[in-house]
Amino acid sequence: MTDNETHGGDLMGFGCCGVGVDQVRNFLTREERIALLKEYSDGLEKEVQGIKERIKELEQK
């Protein structure tokens, strides 16, 4: 028995009553996965832009 099961839960993030307060979903819909990947991609593009700006600042000094 796992530690989680010992404390009344299961491996899916649900408590003894079937619902956890900070429940994490393990299965996302296709649309949710796409949205998360687009959000991640946008964040990466912003990070690259910030890196390029920092390089320019350092080159000017």
C-alpha atoms as a PDB file:
ATOM      1  CA  MET A   1       0.000   0.000   0.000  1.00  0.00           C
ATOM      2  CA  THR A   2       1.377   3.424  -0.927  1.00  0.00           C
ATOM      3  CA  ASP A   3       1.668   6.308   1.512  1.00  0.00           C
ATOM      4  CA  ASN A   4      -1.147   8.104  -0.322  1.00  0.00           C
ATOM      5  CA  GLU A   5      -3.469   5.094  -0.005  1.00  0.00           C
ATOM      6  CA  THR A   6      -2.571   4.791   3.671  1.00  0.00           C
ATOM      7  CA  HIS A   7      -3.885   8.306   4.246  1.00  0.00           C
ATOM      8  CA  GLY A   8      -7.233   7.692   2.539  1.00  0.00           C
ATOM      9  CA  GLY A   9      -6.353   8.747  -0.989  1.00  0.00           C
ATOM     10  CA  ASP A  10      -5.648   6.987  -4.214  1.00  0.00           C
ATOM     11  CA  LEU A  11      -3.175   7.565  -7.017  1.00  0.00           C
ATOM     12  CA  MET A  12      -5.541   9.847  -8.941  1.00  0.00           C
ATOM     13  CA  GLY A  13      -5.398  12.727  -6.438  1.00  0.00           C
ATOM     14  CA  PHE A  14      -8.793  12.059  -4.897  1.00  0.00           C
ATOM     15  CA  GLY A  15      -9.365  11.899  -1.166  1.00  0.00           C
ATOM     16  CA  CYS A  16     -11.537   9.499   0.775  1.00  0.00           C
ATOM     17  CA  CYS A  17     -14.704  11.268  -0.371  1.00  0.00           C
ATOM     18  CA  GLY A  18     -13.735  11.267  -4.040  1.00  0.00           C
ATOM     19  CA  VAL A  19     -12.766  14.947  -4.233  1.00  0.00           C
ATOM     20  CA  GLY A  20      -9.539  16.590  -3.157  1.00  0.00           C
ATOM     21  CA  VAL A  21      -9.213  20.267  -2.277  1.00  0.00           C
ATOM     22  CA  ASP A  22      -6.103  20.729  -4.386  1.00  0.00           C
ATOM     23  CA  GLN A  23      -6.969  17.991  -6.839  1.00  0.00           C
ATOM     24  CA  VAL A  24      -4.742  17.685  -9.878  1.00  0.00           C
ATOM     25  CA  ARG A  25      -6.306  16.370 -13.046  1.00  0.00           C
ATOM     26  CA  ASN A  26      -4.334  13.660 -14.754  1.00  0.00           C
ATOM     27  CA  PHE A  27      -6.206  13.597 -18.058  1.00  0.00           C
ATOM     28  CA  LEU A  28      -6.687  16.743 -20.124  1.00  0.00           C
ATOM     29  CA  THR A  29      -8.812  17.141 -23.199  1.00  0.00           C
ATOM     30  CA  ARG A  30      -7.159  17.594 -26.563  1.00  0.00           C
ATOM     31  CA  GLU A  31      -8.191  21.261 -26.575  1.00  0.00           C
ATOM     32  CA  GLU A  32      -6.726  21.813 -23.095  1.00  0.00           C
ATOM     33  CA  ARG A  33      -3.407  20.239 -24.136  1.00  0.00           C
ATOM     34  CA  ILE A  34      -3.269  22.451 -27.235  1.00  0.00           C
ATOM     35  CA  ALA A  35      -4.018  25.579 -25.184  1.00  0.00           C
ATOM     36  CA  LEU A  36      -1.327  24.706 -22.635  1.00  0.00           C
ATOM     37  CA  LEU A  37       1.241  24.070 -25.364  1.00  0.00           C
ATOM     38  CA  LYS A  38       0.423  27.396 -27.043  1.00  0.00           C
ATOM     39  CA  GLU A  39       0.768  29.187 -23.710  1.00  0.00           C
ATOM     40  CA  TYR A  40       4.109  27.448 -23.122  1.00  0.00           C
ATOM     41  CA  SER A  41       5.283  28.375 -26.625  1.00  0.00           C
ATOM     42  CA  ASP A  42       4.326  32.034 -26.090  1.00  0.00           C
ATOM     43  CA  GLY A  43       6.313  32.074 -22.858  1.00  0.00           C
ATOM     44  CA  LEU A  44       9.350  30.608 -24.602  1.00  0.00           C
ATOM     45  CA  GLU A  45       9.126  33.198 -27.387  1.00  0.00           C
ATOM     46  CA  LYS A  46       9.017  35.993 -24.787  1.00  0.00           C
ATOM     47  CA  GLU A  47      12.033  34.471 -23.050  1.00  0.00           C
ATOM     48  CA  VAL A  48      13.972  34.423 -26.344  1.00  0.00           C
ATOM     49  CA  GLN A  49      13.040  38.051 -26.974  1.00  0.00           C
ATOM     50  CA  GLY A  50      14.280  38.991 -23.505  1.00  0.00           C
ATOM     51  CA  ILE A  51      17.536  37.160 -24.105  1.00  0.00           C
ATOM     52  CA  LYS A  52      18.069  38.980 -27.408  1.00  0.00           C
ATOM     53  CA  GLU A  53      17.405  42.328 -25.750  1.00  0.00           C
ATOM     54  CA  ARG A  54      19.873  41.536 -22.969  1.00  0.00           C
ATOM     55  CA  ILE A  55      22.547  40.541 -25.494  1.00  0.00           C
ATOM     56  CA  LYS A  56      22.087  43.869 -27.305  1.00  0.00           C
ATOM     57  CA  GLU A  57      22.414  45.745 -23.991  1.00  0.00           C
ATOM     58  CA  LEU A  58      25.630  43.937 -23.152  1.00  0.00           C
ATOM     59  CA  GLU A  59      27.092  44.462 -26.625  1.00  0.00           C
ATOM     60  CA  GLN A  60      26.528  48.239 -26.346  1.00  0.00           C
ATOM     61  CA  LYS A  61      28.523  48.523 -23.117  1.00  0.00           C
END
